[in-house]
Amino acid sequence: MRQATITIRVEPSLKKNFDALCEDFGLSVTAAFNMFMKAVVRERCIPFKINADNSKSKEEIRERAIKALAEMRKIVSENDPEEMSLENINRLIKEVRDERRQ
């Protein structure tokens, strides 16, 4: 049977821990991923629960978004929009995301 190759990137510590756990189970990493993929295809779902962060209400998220938009408008009005580099825009987006995660 022909085989396909999948390449993924993971943190080295995660790979090390996963390799060790698979070894404890008597499985290769390849066998573990094949089992996972077969379960997904068979059950037509991810075989574990994935949840969004529900710690904030929709209203809180909306208020934070409005605040972030107002702050960005203020920055734009204080600066020539032509002067905003992609680097500055990405920095602002990162700051808002970091604030949101707190």
PDB file of N, CA and C in Angstrom:
ATOM      1  N   MET A   1       0.840  -1.171   0.000  1.00  0.00           N
ATOM      2  CA  MET A   1       0.000   0.000   0.000  1.00  0.00           C
ATOM      3  C   MET A   1       0.891   1.243   0.000  1.00  0.00           C
ATOM      4  N   ARG A   2       0.553   2.204  -0.855  1.00  0.00           N
ATOM      5  CA  ARG A   2       1.304   3.460  -0.897  1.00  0.00           C
ATOM      6  C   ARG A   2       1.064   4.252   0.378  1.00  0.00           C
ATOM      7  N   GLN A   3       2.047   5.005   0.771  1.00  0.00           N
ATOM      8  CA  GLN A   3       1.959   5.817   1.977  1.00  0.00           C
ATOM      9  C   GLN A   3       2.153   7.289   1.616  1.00  0.00           C
ATOM     10  N   ALA A   4       1.470   8.173   2.307  1.00  0.00           N
ATOM     11  CA  ALA A   4       1.657   9.614   2.158  1.00  0.00           C
ATOM     12  C   ALA A   4       2.436  10.106   3.372  1.00  0.00           C
ATOM     13  N   THR A   5       3.122  11.198   3.213  1.00  0.00           N
ATOM     14  CA  THR A   5       3.905  11.774   4.296  1.00  0.00           C
ATOM     15  C   THR A   5       3.267  13.074   4.758  1.00  0.00           C
ATOM     16  N   ILE A   6       3.172  13.234   6.071  1.00  0.00           N
ATOM     17  CA  ILE A   6       2.687  14.474   6.671  1.00  0.00           C
ATOM     18  C   ILE A   6       3.819  15.036   7.514  1.00  0.00           C
ATOM     19  N   THR A   7       4.103  16.311   7.353  1.00  0.00           N
ATOM     20  CA  THR A   7       5.128  16.979   8.144  1.00  0.00           C
ATOM     21  C   THR A   7       4.452  18.038   9.001  1.00  0.00           C
ATOM     22  N   ILE A   8       4.717  18.008  10.306  1.00  0.00           N
ATOM     23  CA  ILE A   8       4.159  19.012  11.203  1.00  0.00           C
ATOM     24  C   ILE A   8       5.284  19.607  12.050  1.00  0.00           C
ATOM     25  N   ARG A   9       5.051  20.799  12.541  1.00  0.00           N
ATOM     26  CA  ARG A   9       6.020  21.454  13.425  1.00  0.00           C
ATOM     27  C   ARG A   9       5.431  21.510  14.826  1.00  0.00           C
ATOM     28  N   VAL A  10       6.232  21.098  15.806  1.00  0.00           N
ATOM     29  CA  VAL A  10       5.821  21.144  17.200  1.00  0.00           C
ATOM     30  C   VAL A  10       7.007  21.601  18.043  1.00  0.00           C
ATOM     31  N   GLU A  11       6.704  22.025  19.247  1.00  0.00           N
ATOM     32  CA  GLU A  11       7.763  22.406  20.167  1.00  0.00           C
ATOM     33  C   GLU A  11       8.590  21.170  20.511  1.00  0.00           C
ATOM     34  N   PRO A  12       9.907  21.326  20.616  1.00  0.00           N
ATOM     35  CA  PRO A  12      10.756  20.170  20.913  1.00  0.00           C
ATOM     36  C   PRO A  12      10.361  19.429  22.190  1.00  0.00           C
ATOM     37  N   SER A  13       9.980  20.153  23.234  1.00  0.00           N
ATOM     38  CA  SER A  13       9.612  19.475  24.487  1.00  0.00           C
ATOM     39  C   SER A  13       8.327  18.664  24.313  1.00  0.00           C
ATOM     40  N   LEU A  14       7.381  19.187  23.534  1.00  0.00           N
ATOM     41  CA  LEU A  14       6.147  18.442  23.278  1.00  0.00           C
ATOM     42  C   LEU A  14       6.458  17.157  22.524  1.00  0.00           C
ATOM     43  N   LYS A  15       7.317  17.251  21.512  1.00  0.00           N
ATOM     44  CA  LYS A  15       7.691  16.058  20.736  1.00  0.00           C
ATOM     45  C   LYS A  15       8.369  15.022  21.635  1.00  0.00           C
ATOM     46  N   LYS A  16       9.276  15.477  22.476  1.00  0.00           N
ATOM     47  CA  LYS A  16       9.995  14.566  23.367  1.00  0.00           C
ATOM     48  C   LYS A  16       9.013  13.848  24.297  1.00  0.00           C
ATOM     49  N   ASN A  17       8.091  14.603  24.898  1.00  0.00           N
ATOM     50  CA  ASN A  17       7.110  14.004  25.807  1.00  0.00           C
ATOM     51  C   ASN A  17       6.165  13.053  25.072  1.00  0.00           C
ATOM     52  N   PHE A  18       5.751  13.452  23.857  1.00  0.00           N
ATOM     53  CA  PHE A  18       4.856  12.600  23.075  1.00  0.00           C
ATOM     54  C   PHE A  18       5.564  11.315  22.661  1.00  0.00           C
ATOM     55  N   ASP A  19       6.818  11.431  22.213  1.00  0.00           N
ATOM     56  CA  ASP A  19       7.604  10.249  21.848  1.00  0.00           C
ATOM     57  C   ASP A  19       7.695   9.277  23.023  1.00  0.00           C
ATOM     58  N   ALA A  20       7.987   9.811  24.210  1.00  0.00           N
ATOM     59  CA  ALA A  20       8.136   8.961  25.399  1.00  0.00           C
ATOM     60  C   ALA A  20       6.814   8.288  25.762  1.00  0.00           C
ATOM     61  N   LEU A  21       5.727   9.038  25.685  1.00  0.00           N
ATOM     62  CA  LEU A  21       4.428   8.477  26.014  1.00  0.00           C
ATOM     63  C   LEU A  21       4.027   7.383  25.018  1.00  0.00           C
ATOM     64  N   CYS A  22       4.271   7.647  23.729  1.00  0.00           N
ATOM     65  CA  CYS A  22       3.969   6.619  22.715  1.00  0.00           C
ATOM     66  C   CYS A  22       4.777   5.359  22.979  1.00  0.00           C
ATOM     67  N   GLU A  23       6.037   5.537  23.358  1.00  0.00           N
ATOM     68  CA  GLU A  23       6.885   4.386  23.664  1.00  0.00           C
ATOM     69  C   GLU A  23       6.308   3.611  24.851  1.00  0.00           C
ATOM     70  N   ASP A  24       5.841   4.345  25.871  1.00  0.00           N
ATOM     71  CA  ASP A  24       5.214   3.684  27.030  1.00  0.00           C
ATOM     72  C   ASP A  24       3.987   2.879  26.611  1.00  0.00           C
ATOM     73  N   PHE A  25       3.256   3.378  25.615  1.00  0.00           N
ATOM     74  CA  PHE A  25       2.074   2.682  25.110  1.00  0.00           C
ATOM     75  C   PHE A  25       2.442   1.532  24.185  1.00  0.00           C
ATOM     76  N   GLY A  26       3.715   1.455  23.794  1.00  0.00           N
ATOM     77  CA  GLY A  26       4.135   0.438  22.842  1.00  0.00           C
ATOM     78  C   GLY A  26       3.781   0.801  21.411  1.00  0.00           C
ATOM     79  N   LEU A  27       3.654   2.106  21.148  1.00  0.00           N
ATOM     80  CA  LEU A  27       3.295   2.598  19.815  1.00  0.00           C
ATOM     81  C   LEU A  27       4.409   3.466  19.254  1.00  0.00           C
ATOM     82  N   SER A  28       4.466   3.507  17.941  1.00  0.00           N
ATOM     83  CA  SER A  28       5.310   4.505  17.306  1.00  0.00           C
ATOM     84  C   SER A  28       4.482   5.779  17.186  1.00  0.00           C
ATOM     85  N   VAL A  29       5.155   6.893  16.985  1.00  0.00           N
ATOM     86  CA  VAL A  29       4.446   8.153  16.765  1.00  0.00           C
ATOM     87  C   VAL A  29       3.564   8.028  15.527  1.00  0.00           C
ATOM     88  N   THR A  30       4.070   7.385  14.494  1.00  0.00           N
ATOM     89  CA  THR A  30       3.302   7.190  13.268  1.00  0.00           C
ATOM     90  C   THR A  30       2.022   6.412  13.552  1.00  0.00           C
ATOM     91  N   ALA A  31       2.120   5.349  14.345  1.00  0.00           N
ATOM     92  CA  ALA A  31       0.942   4.552  14.672  1.00  0.00           C
ATOM     93  C   ALA A  31      -0.065   5.390  15.470  1.00  0.00           C
ATOM     94  N   ALA A  32       0.431   6.201  16.393  1.00  0.00           N
ATOM     95  CA  ALA A  32      -0.465   7.039  17.197  1.00  0.00           C
ATOM     96  C   ALA A  32      -1.221   8.025  16.304  1.00  0.00           C
ATOM     97  N   PHE A  33      -0.522   8.667  15.374  1.00  0.00           N
ATOM     98  CA  PHE A  33      -1.193   9.616  14.486  1.00  0.00           C
ATOM     99  C   PHE A  33      -2.152   8.903  13.540  1.00  0.00           C
ATOM    100  N   ASN A  34      -1.792   7.731  13.075  1.00  0.00           N
ATOM    101  CA  ASN A  34      -2.714   6.964  12.242  1.00  0.00           C
ATOM    102  C   ASN A  34      -3.985   6.616  13.009  1.00  0.00           C
ATOM    103  N   MET A  35      -3.844   6.243  14.274  1.00  0.00           N
ATOM    104  CA  MET A  35      -5.015   5.944  15.092  1.00  0.00           C
ATOM    105  C   MET A  35      -5.890   7.186  15.246  1.00  0.00           C
ATOM    106  N   PHE A  36      -5.259   8.321  15.501  1.00  0.00           N
ATOM    107  CA  PHE A  36      -5.987   9.577  15.643  1.00  0.00           C
ATOM    108  C   PHE A  36      -6.746   9.905  14.358  1.00  0.00           C
ATOM    109  N   MET A  37      -6.059   9.830  13.217  1.00  0.00           N
ATOM    110  CA  MET A  37      -6.699  10.181  11.941  1.00  0.00           C
ATOM    111  C   MET A  37      -7.830   9.217  11.607  1.00  0.00           C
ATOM    112  N   LYS A  38      -7.638   7.935  11.866  1.00  0.00           N
ATOM    113  CA  LYS A  38      -8.703   6.963  11.610  1.00  0.00           C
ATOM    114  C   LYS A  38      -9.919   7.238  12.486  1.00  0.00           C
ATOM    115  N   ALA A  39      -9.697   7.600  13.750  1.00  0.00           N
ATOM    116  CA  ALA A  39     -10.816   7.917  14.646  1.00  0.00           C
ATOM    117  C   ALA A  39     -11.566   9.156  14.158  1.00  0.00           C
ATOM    118  N   VAL A  40     -10.842  10.164  13.701  1.00  0.00           N
ATOM    119  CA  VAL A  40     -11.478  11.381  13.188  1.00  0.00           C
ATOM    120  C   VAL A  40     -12.332  11.058  11.974  1.00  0.00           C
ATOM    121  N   VAL A  41     -11.782  10.283  11.051  1.00  0.00           N
ATOM    122  CA  VAL A  41     -12.522   9.934   9.836  1.00  0.00           C
ATOM    123  C   VAL A  41     -13.731   9.057  10.177  1.00  0.00           C
ATOM    124  N   ARG A  42     -13.530   8.062  11.033  1.00  0.00           N
ATOM    125  CA  ARG A  42     -14.611   7.141  11.389  1.00  0.00           C
ATOM    126  C   ARG A  42     -15.746   7.858  12.129  1.00  0.00           C
ATOM    127  N   GLU A  43     -15.381   8.682  13.119  1.00  0.00           N
ATOM    128  CA  GLU A  43     -16.376   9.353  13.953  1.00  0.00           C
ATOM    129  C   GLU A  43     -16.838  10.689  13.373  1.00  0.00           C
ATOM    130  N   ARG A  44     -16.098  11.180  12.374  1.00  0.00           N
ATOM    131  CA  ARG A  44     -16.395  12.470  11.736  1.00  0.00           C
ATOM    132  C   ARG A  44     -16.393  13.606  12.756  1.00  0.00           C
ATOM    133  N   CYS A  45     -15.466  13.511  13.714  1.00  0.00           N
ATOM    134  CA  CYS A  45     -15.286  14.569  14.708  1.00  0.00           C
ATOM    135  C   CYS A  45     -13.903  14.404  15.339  1.00  0.00           C
ATOM    136  N   ILE A  46     -13.464  15.449  16.001  1.00  0.00           N
ATOM    137  CA  ILE A  46     -12.211  15.363  16.756  1.00  0.00           C
ATOM    138  C   ILE A  46     -12.528  14.557  18.018  1.00  0.00           C
ATOM    139  N   PRO A  47     -11.722  13.560  18.348  1.00  0.00           N
ATOM    140  CA  PRO A  47     -12.078  12.659  19.451  1.00  0.00           C
ATOM    141  C   PRO A  47     -11.818  13.232  20.847  1.00  0.00           C
ATOM    142  N   PHE A  48     -11.770  14.527  20.970  1.00  0.00           N
ATOM    143  CA  PHE A  48     -11.688  15.171  22.274  1.00  0.00           C
ATOM    144  C   PHE A  48     -12.346  16.528  22.162  1.00  0.00           C
ATOM    145  N   LYS A  49     -12.740  17.064  23.289  1.00  0.00           N
ATOM    146  CA  LYS A  49     -13.500  18.304  23.317  1.00  0.00           C
ATOM    147  C   LYS A  49     -12.577  19.507  23.111  1.00  0.00           C
ATOM    148  N   ILE A  50     -12.987  20.424  22.229  1.00  0.00           N
ATOM    149  CA  ILE A  50     -12.261  21.663  21.980  1.00  0.00           C
ATOM    150  C   ILE A  50     -13.205  22.802  22.336  1.00  0.00           C
ATOM    151  N   ASN A  51     -12.802  23.636  23.270  1.00  0.00           N
ATOM    152  CA  ASN A  51     -13.663  24.720  23.723  1.00  0.00           C
ATOM    153  C   ASN A  51     -13.037  26.076  23.446  1.00  0.00           C
ATOM    154  N   ALA A  52     -13.890  27.040  23.138  1.00  0.00           N
ATOM    155  CA  ALA A  52     -13.448  28.423  23.053  1.00  0.00           C
ATOM    156  C   ALA A  52     -13.404  28.967  24.479  1.00  0.00           C
ATOM    157  N   ASP A  53     -12.646  30.017  24.680  1.00  0.00           N
ATOM    158  CA  ASP A  53     -12.556  30.656  25.986  1.00  0.00           C
ATOM    159  C   ASP A  53     -13.868  31.377  26.260  1.00  0.00           C
ATOM    160  N   ASN A  54     -14.640  30.837  27.184  1.00  0.00           N
ATOM    161  CA  ASN A  54     -15.923  31.430  27.529  1.00  0.00           C
ATOM    162  C   ASN A  54     -15.845  32.268  28.798  1.00  0.00           C
ATOM    163  N   SER A  55     -14.618  32.613  29.214  1.00  0.00           N
ATOM    164  CA  SER A  55     -14.472  33.329  30.475  1.00  0.00           C
ATOM    165  C   SER A  55     -14.970  34.763  30.376  1.00  0.00           C
ATOM    166  N   LYS A  56     -15.091  35.295  29.164  1.00  0.00           N
ATOM    167  CA  LYS A  56     -15.577  36.651  28.983  1.00  0.00           C
ATOM    168  C   LYS A  56     -16.914  36.613  28.240  1.00  0.00           C
ATOM    169  N   SER A  57     -17.822  37.466  28.655  1.00  0.00           N
ATOM    170  CA  SER A  57     -19.105  37.526  27.982  1.00  0.00           C
ATOM    171  C   SER A  57     -18.941  38.214  26.630  1.00  0.00           C
ATOM    172  N   LYS A  58     -19.925  38.031  25.771  1.00  0.00           N
ATOM    173  CA  LYS A  58     -19.897  38.687  24.468  1.00  0.00           C
ATOM    174  C   LYS A  58     -19.854  40.199  24.630  1.00  0.00           C
ATOM    175  N   GLU A  59     -20.537  40.688  25.643  1.00  0.00           N
ATOM    176  CA  GLU A  59     -20.556  42.142  25.885  1.00  0.00           C
ATOM    177  C   GLU A  59     -19.168  42.646  26.281  1.00  0.00           C
ATOM    178  N   GLU A  60     -18.471  41.888  27.128  1.00  0.00           N
ATOM    179  CA  GLU A  60     -17.107  42.281  27.515  1.00  0.00           C
ATOM    180  C   GLU A  60     -16.183  42.293  26.301  1.00  0.00           C
ATOM    181  N   ILE A  61     -16.307  41.282  25.459  1.00  0.00           N
ATOM    182  CA  ILE A  61     -15.481  41.212  24.252  1.00  0.00           C
ATOM    183  C   ILE A  61     -15.800  42.382  23.338  1.00  0.00           C
ATOM    184  N   ARG A  62     -17.091  42.690  23.181  1.00  0.00           N
ATOM    185  CA  ARG A  62     -17.513  43.818  22.337  1.00  0.00           C
ATOM    186  C   ARG A  62     -16.954  45.127  22.872  1.00  0.00           C
ATOM    187  N   GLU A  63     -17.052  45.345  24.184  1.00  0.00           N
ATOM    188  CA  GLU A  63     -16.538  46.575  24.789  1.00  0.00           C
ATOM    189  C   GLU A  63     -15.030  46.722  24.575  1.00  0.00           C
ATOM    190  N   ARG A  64     -14.312  45.625  24.722  1.00  0.00           N
ATOM    191  CA  ARG A  64     -12.854  45.666  24.515  1.00  0.00           C
ATOM    192  C   ARG A  64     -12.521  45.964  23.055  1.00  0.00           C
ATOM    193  N   ALA A  65     -13.309  45.403  22.146  1.00  0.00           N
ATOM    194  CA  ALA A  65     -13.084  45.662  20.716  1.00  0.00           C
ATOM    195  C   ALA A  65     -13.334  47.129  20.393  1.00  0.00           C
ATOM    196  N   ILE A  66     -14.411  47.683  20.957  1.00  0.00           N
ATOM    197  CA  ILE A  66     -14.715  49.104  20.716  1.00  0.00           C
ATOM    198  C   ILE A  66     -13.603  49.978  21.290  1.00  0.00           C
ATOM    199  N   LYS A  67     -13.126  49.625  22.475  1.00  0.00           N
ATOM    200  CA  LYS A  67     -12.029  50.380  23.102  1.00  0.00           C
ATOM    201  C   LYS A  67     -10.765  50.312  22.232  1.00  0.00           C
ATOM    202  N   ALA A  68     -10.453  49.136  21.724  1.00  0.00           N
ATOM    203  CA  ALA A  68      -9.272  48.970  20.879  1.00  0.00           C
ATOM    204  C   ALA A  68      -9.405  49.775  19.591  1.00  0.00           C
ATOM    205  N   LEU A  69     -10.596  49.755  18.999  1.00  0.00           N
ATOM    206  CA  LEU A  69     -10.831  50.518  17.778  1.00  0.00           C
ATOM    207  C   LEU A  69     -10.680  52.012  18.042  1.00  0.00           C
ATOM    208  N   ALA A  70     -11.233  52.489  19.159  1.00  0.00           N
ATOM    209  CA  ALA A  70     -11.108  53.911  19.511  1.00  0.00           C
ATOM    210  C   ALA A  70      -9.647  54.295  19.701  1.00  0.00           C
ATOM    211  N   GLU A  71      -8.894  53.432  20.352  1.00  0.00           N
ATOM    212  CA  GLU A  71      -7.460  53.703  20.569  1.00  0.00           C
ATOM    213  C   GLU A  71      -6.711  53.758  19.241  1.00  0.00           C
ATOM    214  N   MET A  72      -7.033  52.850  18.334  1.00  0.00           N
ATOM    215  CA  MET A  72      -6.362  52.853  17.028  1.00  0.00           C
ATOM    216  C   MET A  72      -6.748  54.098  16.239  1.00  0.00           C
ATOM    217  N   ARG A  73      -8.026  54.510  16.312  1.00  0.00           N
ATOM    218  CA  ARG A  73      -8.442  55.742  15.628  1.00  0.00           C
ATOM    219  C   ARG A  73      -7.692  56.946  16.181  1.00  0.00           C
ATOM    220  N   LYS A  74      -7.514  56.983  17.497  1.00  0.00           N
ATOM    221  CA  LYS A  74      -6.776  58.078  18.130  1.00  0.00           C
ATOM    222  C   LYS A  74      -5.337  58.117  17.621  1.00  0.00           C
ATOM    223  N   ILE A  75      -4.710  56.974  17.567  1.00  0.00           N
ATOM    224  CA  ILE A  75      -3.329  56.904  17.093  1.00  0.00           C
ATOM    225  C   ILE A  75      -3.244  57.357  15.645  1.00  0.00           C
ATOM    226  N   VAL A  76      -4.188  56.911  14.830  1.00  0.00           N
ATOM    227  CA  VAL A  76      -4.195  57.293  13.420  1.00  0.00           C
ATOM    228  C   VAL A  76      -4.395  58.803  13.281  1.00  0.00           C
ATOM    229  N   SER A  77      -5.307  59.373  14.094  1.00  0.00           N
ATOM    230  CA  SER A  77      -5.564  60.808  13.978  1.00  0.00           C
ATOM    231  C   SER A  77      -4.365  61.628  14.437  1.00  0.00           C
ATOM    232  N   GLU A  78      -3.577  61.093  15.353  1.00  0.00           N
ATOM    233  CA  GLU A  78      -2.386  61.793  15.839  1.00  0.00           C
ATOM    234  C   GLU A  78      -1.196  61.636  14.903  1.00  0.00           C
ATOM    235  N   ASN A  79      -1.268  60.665  14.038  1.00  0.00           N
ATOM    236  CA  ASN A  79      -0.158  60.370  13.121  1.00  0.00           C
ATOM    237  C   ASN A  79      -0.685  60.368  11.700  1.00  0.00           C
ATOM    238  N   ASP A  80       0.192  60.660  10.803  1.00  0.00           N
ATOM    239  CA  ASP A  80      -0.173  60.566   9.388  1.00  0.00           C
ATOM    240  C   ASP A  80      -0.319  59.086   9.060  1.00  0.00           C
ATOM    241  N   PRO A  81      -1.510  58.642   8.601  1.00  0.00           N
ATOM    242  CA  PRO A  81      -1.693  57.216   8.301  1.00  0.00           C
ATOM    243  C   PRO A  81      -0.637  56.674   7.333  1.00  0.00           C
ATOM    244  N   GLU A  82      -0.127  57.539   6.496  1.00  0.00           N
ATOM    245  CA  GLU A  82       0.899  57.088   5.558  1.00  0.00           C
ATOM    246  C   GLU A  82       2.183  56.685   6.295  1.00  0.00           C
ATOM    247  N   GLU A  83       2.342  57.220   7.516  1.00  0.00           N
ATOM    248  CA  GLU A  83       3.545  56.939   8.286  1.00  0.00           C
ATOM    249  C   GLU A  83       3.477  55.624   9.055  1.00  0.00           C
ATOM    250  N   MET A  84       2.267  55.054   9.170  1.00  0.00           N
ATOM    251  CA  MET A  84       2.145  53.804   9.912  1.00  0.00           C
ATOM    252  C   MET A  84       2.693  52.656   9.083  1.00  0.00           C
ATOM    253  N   SER A  85       3.734  52.070   9.585  1.00  0.00           N
ATOM    254  CA  SER A  85       4.334  50.940   8.882  1.00  0.00           C
ATOM    255  C   SER A  85       3.604  49.652   9.264  1.00  0.00           C
ATOM    256  N   LEU A  86       3.821  48.640   8.497  1.00  0.00           N
ATOM    257  CA  LEU A  86       3.249  47.331   8.804  1.00  0.00           C
ATOM    258  C   LEU A  86       3.748  46.866  10.170  1.00  0.00           C
ATOM    259  N   GLU A  87       4.986  47.194  10.482  1.00  0.00           N
ATOM    260  CA  GLU A  87       5.568  46.834  11.775  1.00  0.00           C
ATOM    261  C   GLU A  87       4.775  47.476  12.923  1.00  0.00           C
ATOM    262  N   ASN A  88       4.419  48.768  12.767  1.00  0.00           N
ATOM    263  CA  ASN A  88       3.633  49.463  13.799  1.00  0.00           C
ATOM    264  C   ASN A  88       2.236  48.866  13.928  1.00  0.00           C
ATOM    265  N   ILE A  89       1.612  48.576  12.806  1.00  0.00           N
ATOM    266  CA  ILE A  89       0.276  47.990  12.824  1.00  0.00           C
ATOM    267  C   ILE A  89       0.311  46.632  13.523  1.00  0.00           C
ATOM    268  N   ASN A  90       1.300  45.808  13.193  1.00  0.00           N
ATOM    269  CA  ASN A  90       1.413  44.494  13.824  1.00  0.00           C
ATOM    270  C   ASN A  90       1.689  44.621  15.319  1.00  0.00           C
ATOM    271  N   ARG A  91       2.472  45.613  15.723  1.00  0.00           N
ATOM    272  CA  ARG A  91       2.746  45.848  17.139  1.00  0.00           C
ATOM    273  C   ARG A  91       1.452  46.187  17.873  1.00  0.00           C
ATOM    274  N   LEU A  92       0.632  47.066  17.267  1.00  0.00           N
ATOM    275  CA  LEU A  92      -0.641  47.435  17.891  1.00  0.00           C
ATOM    276  C   LEU A  92      -1.575  46.234  18.002  1.00  0.00           C
ATOM    277  N   ILE A  93      -1.642  45.443  16.974  1.00  0.00           N
ATOM    278  CA  ILE A  93      -2.486  44.244  16.998  1.00  0.00           C
ATOM    279  C   ILE A  93      -2.015  43.297  18.101  1.00  0.00           C
ATOM    280  N   LYS A  94      -0.698  43.118  18.222  1.00  0.00           N
ATOM    281  CA  LYS A  94      -0.142  42.245  19.261  1.00  0.00           C
ATOM    282  C   LYS A  94      -0.495  42.771  20.644  1.00  0.00           C
ATOM    283  N   GLU A  95      -0.389  44.087  20.843  1.00  0.00           N
ATOM    284  CA  GLU A  95      -0.729  44.670  22.148  1.00  0.00           C
ATOM    285  C   GLU A  95      -2.185  44.402  22.503  1.00  0.00           C
ATOM    286  N   VAL A  96      -3.074  44.573  21.539  1.00  0.00           N
ATOM    287  CA  VAL A  96      -4.506  44.334  21.789  1.00  0.00           C
ATOM    288  C   VAL A  96      -4.738  42.859  22.099  1.00  0.00           C
ATOM    289  N   ARG A  97      -4.099  41.966  21.342  1.00  0.00           N
ATOM    290  CA  ARG A  97      -4.271  40.537  21.597  1.00  0.00           C
ATOM    291  C   ARG A  97      -3.729  40.151  22.969  1.00  0.00           C
ATOM    292  N   ASP A  98      -2.545  40.702  23.342  1.00  0.00           N
ATOM    293  CA  ASP A  98      -1.978  40.413  24.649  1.00  0.00           C
ATOM    294  C   ASP A  98      -2.898  40.898  25.762  1.00  0.00           C
ATOM    295  N   GLU A  99      -3.467  42.080  25.592  1.00  0.00           N
ATOM    296  CA  GLU A  99      -4.406  42.615  26.576  1.00  0.00           C
ATOM    297  C   GLU A  99      -5.631  41.721  26.682  1.00  0.00           C
ATOM    298  N   ARG A 100      -6.103  41.240  25.545  1.00  0.00           N
ATOM    299  CA  ARG A 100      -7.288  40.379  25.524  1.00  0.00           C
ATOM    300  C   ARG A 100      -7.037  39.072  26.256  1.00  0.00           C
ATOM    301  N   ARG A 101      -5.828  38.555  26.188  1.00  0.00           N
ATOM    302  CA  ARG A 101      -5.507  37.273  26.822  1.00  0.00           C
ATOM    303  C   ARG A 101      -5.437  37.381  28.340  1.00  0.00           C
ATOM    304  N   GLN A 102      -5.265  38.573  28.855  1.00  0.00           N
ATOM    305  CA  GLN A 102      -5.107  38.755  30.312  1.00  0.00           C
ATOM    306  C   GLN A 102      -6.400  38.664  31.041  1.00  0.00           C
TER     307      GLN A 102
END
